[in-house]
């Protein structure tokens, strides 16, 4: 395993995190200015947020565009009742995983604050004879940022947190009725500034890969399409040049996500950290 190959892995791992990162609201206690139409919007979004949080999991399709013109597609299940976890398949070539996986898709798990990638066993190095590659989220966000992805549902890192953050948006607007995935929805848009991202500003700011991917953006634009059952049909986040679109296929009743056996796993966390420390981009 050569560290010169780790830059791409850092990028797509951060991209996977953006797809479900949301933004916690710890420390944000002042709501946006109240006007009649905004109050009506917030009532709708509040109901959708509560329902999403209560159901705790969903089957989701995610597209993450890092601004390179080749979005990374992920399709799987996400849960947030006991901290963020997901089990998904992503496009191998778009994620630049061809060196480690011959299959056109790669399975990726996130559980207990770490990413696990299903790879082909390698002839040498940390992945010699291993079926899974592990990267702890601290290698991507640093110790402070990674804390937002672990713990209980109140710790953040789930669609309900993303929606809850809309309460603290600078601007909220109703863009009207639209049909999404065959469902009639109402399209809402909001802009959330960095000051109201709560603990997740640790993940979006500072010396970490997320900051490099988002360009240190000062705000996040969120679009949400809410269906007639008061549940989100689509959630889209734009941070700098990055755009993540999450389509909800079905809520609730997903299988628990479990980490692979340790004996089948090669841990690249330290190598990723060392590679980023040596990278000229990180030093500049």
Protein backbone atom coordinates (compact mmCIF):
# COMPACT_ATOMS: atom_id res chain seq x y z
CA UNK A 1 0.00 0.00 0.00
CA UNK A 2 1.57 3.25 -1.12
CA UNK A 3 0.69 6.50 0.58
CA UNK A 4 0.72 8.37 -2.73
CA UNK A 5 -2.60 6.68 -3.50
CA UNK A 6 -4.34 7.84 -0.33
CA UNK A 7 -5.30 11.34 -1.52
CA UNK A 8 -8.17 9.99 -3.62
CA UNK A 9 -9.41 7.84 -0.73
CA UNK A 10 -9.46 10.87 1.56
CA UNK A 11 -11.52 12.74 -1.03
CA UNK A 12 -14.20 10.15 -1.57
CA UNK A 13 -14.34 9.26 2.12
CA UNK A 14 -15.02 12.90 2.92
CA UNK A 15 -17.61 12.89 0.14
CA UNK A 16 -19.37 9.93 1.70
CA UNK A 17 -19.44 11.81 4.97
CA UNK A 18 -20.89 14.95 3.42
CA UNK A 19 -23.73 12.87 2.09
CA UNK A 20 -25.03 12.19 5.57
CA UNK A 21 -23.31 14.78 7.69
CA UNK A 22 -26.14 17.24 8.19
CA UNK A 23 -25.32 19.88 10.76
CA UNK A 24 -25.93 19.72 14.47
CA UNK A 25 -27.44 22.72 16.24
CA UNK A 26 -25.63 22.74 19.57
CA UNK A 27 -24.98 26.33 20.56
CA UNK A 28 -27.50 27.73 18.06
CA UNK A 29 -30.30 29.23 20.06
CA UNK A 30 -31.57 32.17 18.01
CA UNK A 31 -34.08 31.42 15.26
CA UNK A 32 -34.34 33.33 12.01
CA UNK A 33 -36.58 36.40 11.89
CA UNK A 34 -40.21 35.38 12.15
CA UNK A 35 -42.50 36.34 9.30
CA UNK A 36 -45.83 34.76 8.45
CA UNK A 37 -44.72 32.69 5.45
CA UNK A 38 -41.56 31.55 7.27
CA UNK A 39 -43.65 30.41 10.24
CA UNK A 40 -45.81 28.31 7.94
CA UNK A 41 -42.75 26.79 6.30
CA UNK A 42 -41.17 26.02 9.65
CA UNK A 43 -44.33 24.28 10.84
CA UNK A 44 -44.16 21.93 7.84
CA UNK A 45 -40.42 21.31 8.25
CA UNK A 46 -40.80 20.75 11.98
CA UNK A 47 -43.35 17.99 11.38
CA UNK A 48 -41.12 16.41 8.73
CA UNK A 49 -38.11 16.60 11.05
CA UNK A 50 -39.97 14.95 13.93
CA UNK A 51 -41.27 12.13 11.72
CA UNK A 52 -37.84 11.51 10.19
CA UNK A 53 -36.19 11.38 13.61
CA UNK A 54 -38.83 9.01 15.00
CA UNK A 55 -38.54 6.52 12.13
CA UNK A 56 -34.76 6.35 12.60
CA UNK A 57 -33.71 4.75 9.31
CA UNK A 58 -34.35 4.69 5.58
CA UNK A 59 -33.40 3.20 2.25
CA UNK A 60 -31.60 5.99 0.43
CA UNK A 61 -29.99 6.83 -2.91
CA UNK A 62 -27.22 9.43 -2.71
CA UNK A 63 -25.34 11.32 -5.41
CA UNK A 64 -22.27 13.31 -4.35
CA UNK A 65 -20.76 15.77 -6.84
CA UNK A 66 -17.39 17.16 -5.74
CA UNK A 67 -17.41 19.66 -8.59
CA UNK A 68 -15.37 17.39 -10.84
CA UNK A 69 -18.25 16.45 -13.14
CA UNK A 70 -18.28 12.79 -12.07
CA UNK A 71 -20.78 12.31 -9.20
CA UNK A 72 -20.29 9.41 -6.81
CA UNK A 73 -23.47 7.34 -6.57
CA UNK A 74 -24.34 5.44 -3.38
CA UNK A 75 -27.37 3.25 -2.78
CA UNK A 76 -28.20 1.58 0.54
CA UNK A 77 -29.62 1.90 4.04
CA UNK A 78 -28.96 4.61 6.60
CA UNK A 79 -29.88 4.61 10.30
CA UNK A 80 -29.60 7.34 12.92
CA UNK A 81 -31.47 6.13 15.98
CA UNK A 82 -28.28 5.15 17.85
CA UNK A 83 -25.74 7.31 16.10
CA UNK A 84 -25.08 7.46 12.38
CA UNK A 85 -24.58 4.20 10.47
CA UNK A 86 -24.96 3.19 6.84
CA UNK A 87 -24.49 0.21 4.53
CA UNK A 88 -24.31 1.16 0.86
CA UNK A 89 -22.91 0.32 -2.56
CA UNK A 90 -21.02 3.01 -4.45
CA UNK A 91 -19.61 3.32 -7.96
CA UNK A 92 -16.04 1.99 -7.87
CA UNK A 93 -14.66 4.06 -10.73
CA UNK A 94 -16.27 7.34 -9.63
CA UNK A 95 -14.81 6.77 -6.14
CA UNK A 96 -11.37 5.99 -7.66
CA UNK A 97 -11.28 2.58 -5.99
CA UNK A 98 -10.19 0.58 -9.07
CA UNK A 99 -6.79 -0.20 -7.53
CA UNK A 100 -8.46 -2.02 -4.66
CA UNK A 101 -11.70 -3.38 -6.11
CA UNK A 102 -12.31 -5.06 -9.49
CA UNK A 103 -16.09 -5.02 -9.10
CA UNK A 104 -17.97 -2.08 -10.68
CA UNK A 105 -19.45 -1.31 -7.25
CA UNK A 106 -17.86 -1.20 -3.81
CA UNK A 107 -19.67 -1.84 -0.55
CA UNK A 108 -19.01 0.78 2.12
CA UNK A 109 -20.11 0.74 5.76
CA UNK A 110 -20.05 3.47 8.37
CA UNK A 111 -20.45 2.28 11.95
CA UNK A 112 -19.09 3.34 15.34
CA UNK A 113 -17.33 6.35 13.82
CA UNK A 114 -15.36 4.45 11.17
CA UNK A 115 -15.61 3.68 7.45
CA UNK A 116 -15.17 0.14 6.10
CA UNK A 117 -14.62 -0.54 2.39
CA UNK A 118 -15.04 -4.02 0.89
CA UNK A 119 -11.84 -4.48 -1.14
CA UNK A 120 -9.97 -7.25 -2.92
CA UNK A 121 -7.30 -8.81 -0.66
CA UNK A 122 -3.90 -7.28 -1.48
CA UNK A 123 -0.59 -9.17 -1.85
CA UNK A 124 1.29 -6.94 0.62
CA UNK A 125 0.90 -4.08 3.07
CA UNK A 126 -1.88 -3.39 5.63
CA UNK A 127 -4.49 -4.99 3.35
CA UNK A 128 -2.56 -8.20 2.72
CA UNK A 129 -5.14 -10.99 2.71
CA UNK A 130 -7.81 -8.61 4.09
CA UNK A 131 -11.33 -8.19 2.73
CA UNK A 132 -12.06 -4.83 4.36
CA UNK A 133 -10.24 -1.50 4.57
CA UNK A 134 -10.94 0.60 7.68
CA UNK A 135 -10.50 4.38 7.97
CA UNK A 136 -11.49 6.06 11.23
CA UNK A 137 -13.39 9.32 10.77
CA UNK A 138 -10.72 11.11 12.83
CA UNK A 139 -8.39 10.73 9.83
CA UNK A 140 -10.83 12.81 7.79
CA UNK A 141 -12.19 15.38 10.24
CA UNK A 142 -9.69 15.36 13.09
CA UNK A 143 -10.61 14.31 16.61
CA UNK A 144 -13.08 17.14 17.23
CA UNK A 145 -14.90 16.80 13.94
CA UNK A 146 -15.20 13.02 14.20
CA UNK A 147 -17.01 13.31 17.54
CA UNK A 148 -20.03 14.68 15.69
CA UNK A 149 -20.44 11.33 13.94
CA UNK A 150 -20.53 9.13 17.02
CA UNK A 151 -22.77 8.65 20.02
CA UNK A 152 -26.52 8.96 20.23
CA UNK A 153 -28.84 10.50 17.67
CA UNK A 154 -28.42 13.85 19.42
CA UNK A 155 -24.79 13.77 18.36
CA UNK A 156 -25.75 14.69 14.81
CA UNK A 157 -24.83 13.18 11.49
CA UNK A 158 -28.28 12.23 10.25
CA UNK A 159 -31.01 13.56 7.95
CA UNK A 160 -33.13 14.73 10.89
CA UNK A 161 -30.24 16.92 12.07
CA UNK A 162 -29.93 18.41 8.60
CA UNK A 163 -33.61 19.29 8.61
CA UNK A 164 -33.53 20.60 12.17
CA UNK A 165 -30.81 23.02 11.15
CA UNK A 166 -33.30 24.70 8.80
CA UNK A 167 -34.77 26.39 11.87
CA UNK A 168 -31.63 28.50 12.06
CA UNK A 169 -31.49 29.43 8.39
CA UNK A 170 -30.85 32.97 7.22
CA UNK A 171 -33.38 32.62 4.41
CA UNK A 172 -36.25 30.17 4.00
CA UNK A 173 -38.44 30.01 0.91
CA UNK A 174 -41.30 27.94 -0.52
CA UNK A 175 -40.50 27.19 -4.18
CA UNK A 176 -43.82 25.51 -4.94
CA UNK A 177 -45.10 22.11 -5.97
CA UNK A 178 -42.88 19.63 -7.82
CA UNK A 179 -43.04 15.94 -8.72
CA UNK A 180 -40.01 13.98 -7.43
CA UNK A 181 -39.63 10.22 -7.89
CA UNK A 182 -43.28 10.06 -8.89
CA UNK A 183 -44.47 11.81 -5.74
CA UNK A 184 -46.12 15.21 -5.39
CA UNK A 185 -43.96 17.36 -3.14
CA UNK A 186 -43.43 20.92 -1.98
CA UNK A 187 -39.95 22.28 -2.56
CA UNK A 188 -38.34 24.40 0.20
CA UNK A 189 -34.94 26.12 0.22
CA UNK A 190 -32.85 27.54 3.05
CA UNK A 191 -29.38 28.96 3.61
CA UNK A 192 -27.59 28.09 6.87
CA UNK A 193 -24.46 30.05 7.76
CA UNK A 194 -21.41 28.56 9.48
CA UNK A 195 -22.25 30.24 12.78
CA UNK A 196 -25.38 28.10 13.06
CA UNK A 197 -23.89 24.76 12.06
CA UNK A 198 -23.26 23.91 15.71
CA UNK A 199 -20.72 21.18 16.42
CA UNK A 200 -20.55 20.27 12.72
CA UNK A 201 -18.58 23.40 11.97
CA UNK A 202 -15.69 21.36 13.39
CA UNK A 203 -16.09 19.04 10.42
CA UNK A 204 -16.45 21.84 7.87
CA UNK A 205 -13.64 24.05 9.15
CA UNK A 206 -9.99 23.83 10.02
CA UNK A 207 -7.19 21.48 8.98
CA UNK A 208 -9.16 18.49 7.74
CA UNK A 209 -10.20 16.83 4.50
CA UNK A 210 -13.79 18.06 4.70
CA UNK A 211 -12.54 21.65 4.68
CA UNK A 212 -10.41 20.88 1.64
CA UNK A 213 -13.34 19.31 -0.20
CA UNK A 214 -15.78 22.14 0.59
CA UNK A 215 -13.25 24.92 0.12
CA UNK A 216 -13.98 26.26 3.60
CA UNK A 217 -17.44 27.45 2.54
CA UNK A 218 -19.11 29.99 4.83
CA UNK A 219 -22.64 28.68 4.31
CA UNK A 220 -24.67 25.70 3.21
CA UNK A 221 -27.71 25.86 0.91
CA UNK A 222 -30.30 23.19 1.64
CA UNK A 223 -33.22 22.15 -0.54
CA UNK A 224 -35.87 19.77 0.77
CA UNK A 225 -38.84 18.26 -1.04
CA UNK A 226 -41.57 17.21 1.43
CA UNK A 227 -44.30 14.74 0.42
CA UNK A 228 -47.91 14.54 1.46
CA UNK A 229 -47.04 12.19 4.32
CA UNK A 230 -44.89 14.88 6.02
CA UNK A 231 -41.68 13.00 5.16
CA UNK A 232 -38.79 14.18 2.99
CA UNK A 233 -38.65 12.73 -0.51
CA UNK A 234 -35.39 14.44 -1.42
CA UNK A 235 -32.78 16.40 0.55
CA UNK A 236 -30.04 18.34 -1.25
CA UNK A 237 -27.06 20.11 0.33
CA UNK A 238 -24.67 22.47 -1.46
CA UNK A 239 -21.44 23.46 0.30
CA UNK A 240 -18.97 25.33 -1.88
CA UNK A 241 -18.54 23.34 -5.10
CA UNK A 242 -19.94 20.19 -3.49
CA UNK A 243 -23.53 19.10 -4.10
CA UNK A 244 -25.08 16.09 -2.36
CA UNK A 245 -28.54 14.78 -3.26
CA UNK A 246 -30.25 12.22 -1.03
CA UNK A 247 -33.46 10.51 -2.24
CA UNK A 248 -35.46 8.62 0.39
CA UNK A 249 -36.98 5.40 -0.97
CA UNK A 250 -38.47 3.89 2.18
CA UNK A 251 -38.39 4.79 5.87
CA UNK A 252 -37.93 2.47 8.86
CA UNK A 253 -37.30 -1.26 9.35
CA UNK A 254 -33.70 -1.41 8.06
CA UNK A 255 -31.25 -4.04 9.26
CA UNK A 256 -28.64 -3.03 11.87
CA UNK A 257 -25.21 -2.09 10.48
CA UNK A 258 -22.36 -4.10 12.01
CA UNK A 259 -18.62 -3.68 11.63
CA UNK A 260 -16.78 -6.47 9.76
CA UNK A 261 -14.74 -8.99 11.80
CA UNK A 262 -11.43 -7.50 12.95
CA UNK A 263 -9.51 -10.47 11.52
CA UNK A 264 -10.76 -9.57 8.02
CA UNK A 265 -9.98 -5.86 8.35
CA UNK A 266 -6.86 -3.82 7.55
CA UNK A 267 -6.71 -0.45 9.33
CA UNK A 268 -5.31 2.40 7.20
CA UNK A 269 -6.18 5.20 9.62
CA UNK A 270 -2.59 5.96 10.63
CA UNK A 271 -1.35 5.81 7.04
CA UNK A 272 -4.06 8.22 5.89
CA UNK A 273 -3.16 10.64 8.69
CA UNK A 274 0.55 10.48 7.86
CA UNK A 275 -0.14 10.94 4.16
CA UNK A 276 -2.21 14.05 4.81
CA UNK A 277 0.45 15.49 7.11
CA UNK A 278 3.04 15.02 4.36
CA UNK A 279 0.82 16.45 1.62
CA UNK A 280 1.94 19.88 0.34
CA UNK A 281 -1.72 20.94 0.19
CA UNK A 282 -2.10 20.32 3.93
CA UNK A 283 1.15 22.05 4.72
CA UNK A 284 0.20 25.15 2.71
